[in-house]
Amino acid sequence: MIAPHRKNRKKKKTQDGRKLRRYKRRWKIERLFAWLGNFRRLVVRYERKADNYLGFARLGCIVILLRHS
């Protein structure tokens, strides 16, 4: 026999009641790094100088912002 679902059953809370702000921010950062992974020049790191690499990283962020806005 399959027992019917009881409407008055209480589930234990898995969270402590706070909003999940930290995870929302973390998701944004993880997505950004995933999107930056699509730029081969950033993944392989052809640039030897840090300034050039940082410039291409910024350029990649600008392209991502323009695509997703």
N, C-alpha and C. Protein backbone atom coordinates (compact mmCIF):
# COMPACT_ATOMS: atom_id res chain seq x y z
N MET A 1 0.83 -1.18 0.00
CA MET A 1 0.00 0.00 0.00
C MET A 1 0.88 1.25 0.00
N ILE A 2 0.50 2.24 -0.78
CA ILE A 2 1.23 3.50 -0.82
C ILE A 2 0.52 4.48 0.09
N ALA A 3 1.24 5.00 1.06
CA ALA A 3 0.64 5.93 2.02
C ALA A 3 0.46 7.30 1.36
N PRO A 4 -0.65 7.96 1.59
CA PRO A 4 -0.85 9.30 1.01
C PRO A 4 0.02 10.34 1.69
N HIS A 5 0.28 11.42 0.96
CA HIS A 5 1.08 12.51 1.51
C HIS A 5 0.29 13.26 2.58
N ARG A 6 0.92 13.53 3.68
CA ARG A 6 0.25 14.23 4.77
C ARG A 6 0.54 15.71 4.65
N LYS A 7 -0.51 16.51 4.64
CA LYS A 7 -0.36 17.95 4.46
C LYS A 7 0.23 18.63 5.69
N ASN A 8 0.04 18.05 6.84
CA ASN A 8 0.53 18.71 8.05
C ASN A 8 1.94 18.27 8.44
N ARG A 9 2.60 17.54 7.59
CA ARG A 9 3.97 17.10 7.87
C ARG A 9 4.91 18.29 7.79
N LYS A 10 5.82 18.39 8.74
CA LYS A 10 6.78 19.50 8.76
C LYS A 10 8.15 18.98 8.35
N LYS A 11 8.78 19.72 7.44
CA LYS A 11 10.12 19.35 7.00
C LYS A 11 11.15 20.09 7.84
N LYS A 12 12.26 19.44 8.08
CA LYS A 12 13.35 20.10 8.79
C LYS A 12 14.00 21.12 7.87
N LYS A 13 14.33 22.26 8.40
CA LYS A 13 14.98 23.29 7.60
C LYS A 13 16.44 22.91 7.37
N THR A 14 16.87 23.09 6.14
CA THR A 14 18.26 22.79 5.82
C THR A 14 19.14 24.01 5.98
N GLN A 15 18.54 25.19 5.94
CA GLN A 15 19.30 26.43 6.11
C GLN A 15 18.99 27.02 7.48
N ASP A 16 19.78 27.99 7.87
CA ASP A 16 19.58 28.59 9.19
C ASP A 16 18.69 29.84 9.13
N GLY A 17 18.02 30.07 8.03
CA GLY A 17 17.08 31.18 7.94
C GLY A 17 17.64 32.43 7.28
N ARG A 18 18.96 32.48 7.07
CA ARG A 18 19.55 33.65 6.42
C ARG A 18 19.38 33.56 4.92
N LYS A 19 19.39 34.69 4.28
CA LYS A 19 19.33 34.70 2.82
C LYS A 19 20.64 34.19 2.25
N LEU A 20 20.56 33.66 1.05
CA LEU A 20 21.74 33.04 0.43
C LEU A 20 22.48 34.04 -0.45
N ARG A 21 22.82 35.18 0.13
CA ARG A 21 23.52 36.22 -0.64
C ARG A 21 24.91 35.78 -1.06
N ARG A 22 25.59 35.09 -0.17
CA ARG A 22 26.96 34.68 -0.44
C ARG A 22 27.02 33.78 -1.68
N TYR A 23 26.07 32.88 -1.81
CA TYR A 23 26.07 31.94 -2.93
C TYR A 23 25.70 32.62 -4.23
N LYS A 24 24.87 33.65 -4.17
CA LYS A 24 24.54 34.38 -5.39
C LYS A 24 25.79 35.07 -5.93
N ARG A 25 26.56 35.68 -5.03
CA ARG A 25 27.79 36.34 -5.49
C ARG A 25 28.79 35.32 -6.01
N ARG A 26 28.87 34.19 -5.33
CA ARG A 26 29.81 33.16 -5.76
C ARG A 26 29.45 32.64 -7.15
N TRP A 27 28.15 32.50 -7.44
CA TRP A 27 27.72 32.03 -8.74
C TRP A 27 28.16 33.00 -9.82
N LYS A 28 28.03 34.31 -9.54
CA LYS A 28 28.42 35.31 -10.53
C LYS A 28 29.91 35.21 -10.84
N ILE A 29 30.72 35.05 -9.81
CA ILE A 29 32.17 34.95 -10.02
C ILE A 29 32.53 33.68 -10.78
N GLU A 30 31.90 32.56 -10.42
CA GLU A 30 32.18 31.31 -11.11
C GLU A 30 31.77 31.39 -12.58
N ARG A 31 30.65 32.03 -12.87
CA ARG A 31 30.22 32.19 -14.26
C ARG A 31 31.19 33.08 -15.03
N LEU A 32 31.67 34.13 -14.37
CA LEU A 32 32.63 35.02 -15.04
C LEU A 32 33.88 34.25 -15.44
N PHE A 33 34.41 33.44 -14.54
CA PHE A 33 35.60 32.68 -14.87
C PHE A 33 35.32 31.64 -15.96
N ALA A 34 34.12 31.08 -15.96
CA ALA A 34 33.76 30.14 -17.02
C ALA A 34 33.69 30.85 -18.37
N TRP A 35 33.10 32.05 -18.38
CA TRP A 35 33.02 32.81 -19.63
C TRP A 35 34.39 33.27 -20.08
N LEU A 36 35.26 33.64 -19.14
CA LEU A 36 36.62 34.03 -19.52
C LEU A 36 37.40 32.84 -20.06
N GLY A 37 37.00 31.64 -19.66
CA GLY A 37 37.65 30.44 -20.18
C GLY A 37 37.41 30.22 -21.66
N ASN A 38 36.44 30.93 -22.23
CA ASN A 38 36.19 30.81 -23.66
C ASN A 38 37.17 31.62 -24.50
N PHE A 39 37.93 32.48 -23.87
CA PHE A 39 38.91 33.29 -24.60
C PHE A 39 40.26 32.57 -24.55
N ARG A 40 40.67 32.06 -25.69
CA ARG A 40 41.86 31.22 -25.75
C ARG A 40 43.12 31.97 -25.30
N ARG A 41 43.16 33.24 -25.61
CA ARG A 41 44.35 34.02 -25.27
C ARG A 41 44.53 34.13 -23.76
N LEU A 42 43.43 34.11 -23.02
CA LEU A 42 43.51 34.17 -21.56
C LEU A 42 43.81 32.81 -20.95
N VAL A 43 43.29 31.75 -21.57
CA VAL A 43 43.50 30.42 -21.02
C VAL A 43 44.94 29.96 -21.21
N VAL A 44 45.46 30.16 -22.41
CA VAL A 44 46.81 29.70 -22.72
C VAL A 44 47.86 30.64 -22.15
N ARG A 45 47.53 31.88 -21.99
CA ARG A 45 48.40 32.94 -21.48
C ARG A 45 49.64 33.09 -22.36
N TYR A 46 49.41 33.63 -23.55
CA TYR A 46 50.50 33.91 -24.46
C TYR A 46 51.34 35.09 -23.97
N GLU A 47 50.71 35.99 -23.24
CA GLU A 47 51.39 37.22 -22.81
C GLU A 47 52.36 36.91 -21.69
N ARG A 48 53.58 37.38 -21.82
CA ARG A 48 54.58 37.15 -20.78
C ARG A 48 54.54 38.23 -19.72
N LYS A 49 54.14 39.43 -20.11
CA LYS A 49 54.09 40.53 -19.16
C LYS A 49 52.72 40.60 -18.52
N ALA A 50 52.71 40.87 -17.23
CA ALA A 50 51.45 40.89 -16.48
C ALA A 50 50.53 42.01 -16.95
N ASP A 51 51.10 43.13 -17.34
CA ASP A 51 50.27 44.25 -17.79
C ASP A 51 49.50 43.90 -19.06
N ASN A 52 50.15 43.22 -19.99
CA ASN A 52 49.47 42.82 -21.22
C ASN A 52 48.36 41.81 -20.93
N TYR A 53 48.65 40.86 -20.03
CA TYR A 53 47.65 39.86 -19.67
C TYR A 53 46.45 40.52 -18.99
N LEU A 54 46.71 41.45 -18.09
CA LEU A 54 45.64 42.15 -17.40
C LEU A 54 44.79 42.95 -18.38
N GLY A 55 45.44 43.55 -19.38
CA GLY A 55 44.69 44.28 -20.41
C GLY A 55 43.75 43.38 -21.19
N PHE A 56 44.22 42.17 -21.55
CA PHE A 56 43.35 41.24 -22.27
C PHE A 56 42.25 40.69 -21.37
N ALA A 57 42.54 40.53 -20.08
CA ALA A 57 41.51 40.09 -19.14
C ALA A 57 40.41 41.15 -19.04
N ARG A 58 40.81 42.40 -18.98
CA ARG A 58 39.82 43.49 -18.95
C ARG A 58 39.03 43.56 -20.25
N LEU A 59 39.71 43.36 -21.35
CA LEU A 59 39.03 43.35 -22.64
C LEU A 59 38.01 42.21 -22.70
N GLY A 60 38.38 41.05 -22.19
CA GLY A 60 37.44 39.93 -22.14
C GLY A 60 36.24 40.24 -21.28
N CYS A 61 36.45 40.91 -20.13
CA CYS A 61 35.32 41.30 -19.26
C CYS A 61 34.40 42.29 -19.98
N ILE A 62 34.98 43.21 -20.73
CA ILE A 62 34.18 44.18 -21.47
C ILE A 62 33.33 43.48 -22.52
N VAL A 63 33.92 42.51 -23.22
CA VAL A 63 33.17 41.78 -24.24
C VAL A 63 32.02 41.00 -23.60
N ILE A 64 32.28 40.39 -22.45
CA ILE A 64 31.23 39.64 -21.74
C ILE A 64 30.11 40.57 -21.31
N LEU A 65 30.46 41.73 -20.80
CA LEU A 65 29.43 42.68 -20.37
C LEU A 65 28.59 43.15 -21.55
N LEU A 66 29.23 43.38 -22.69
CA LEU A 66 28.48 43.83 -23.86
C LEU A 66 27.56 42.74 -24.41
N ARG A 67 27.99 41.49 -24.31
CA ARG A 67 27.16 40.39 -24.79
C ARG A 67 25.94 40.17 -23.92
N HIS A 68 26.12 40.29 -22.60
CA HIS A 68 25.08 39.92 -21.66
C HIS A 68 24.28 41.10 -21.12
N SER A 69 24.40 42.24 -21.74
CA SER A 69 23.61 43.37 -21.25
C SER A 69 22.49 43.73 -22.20
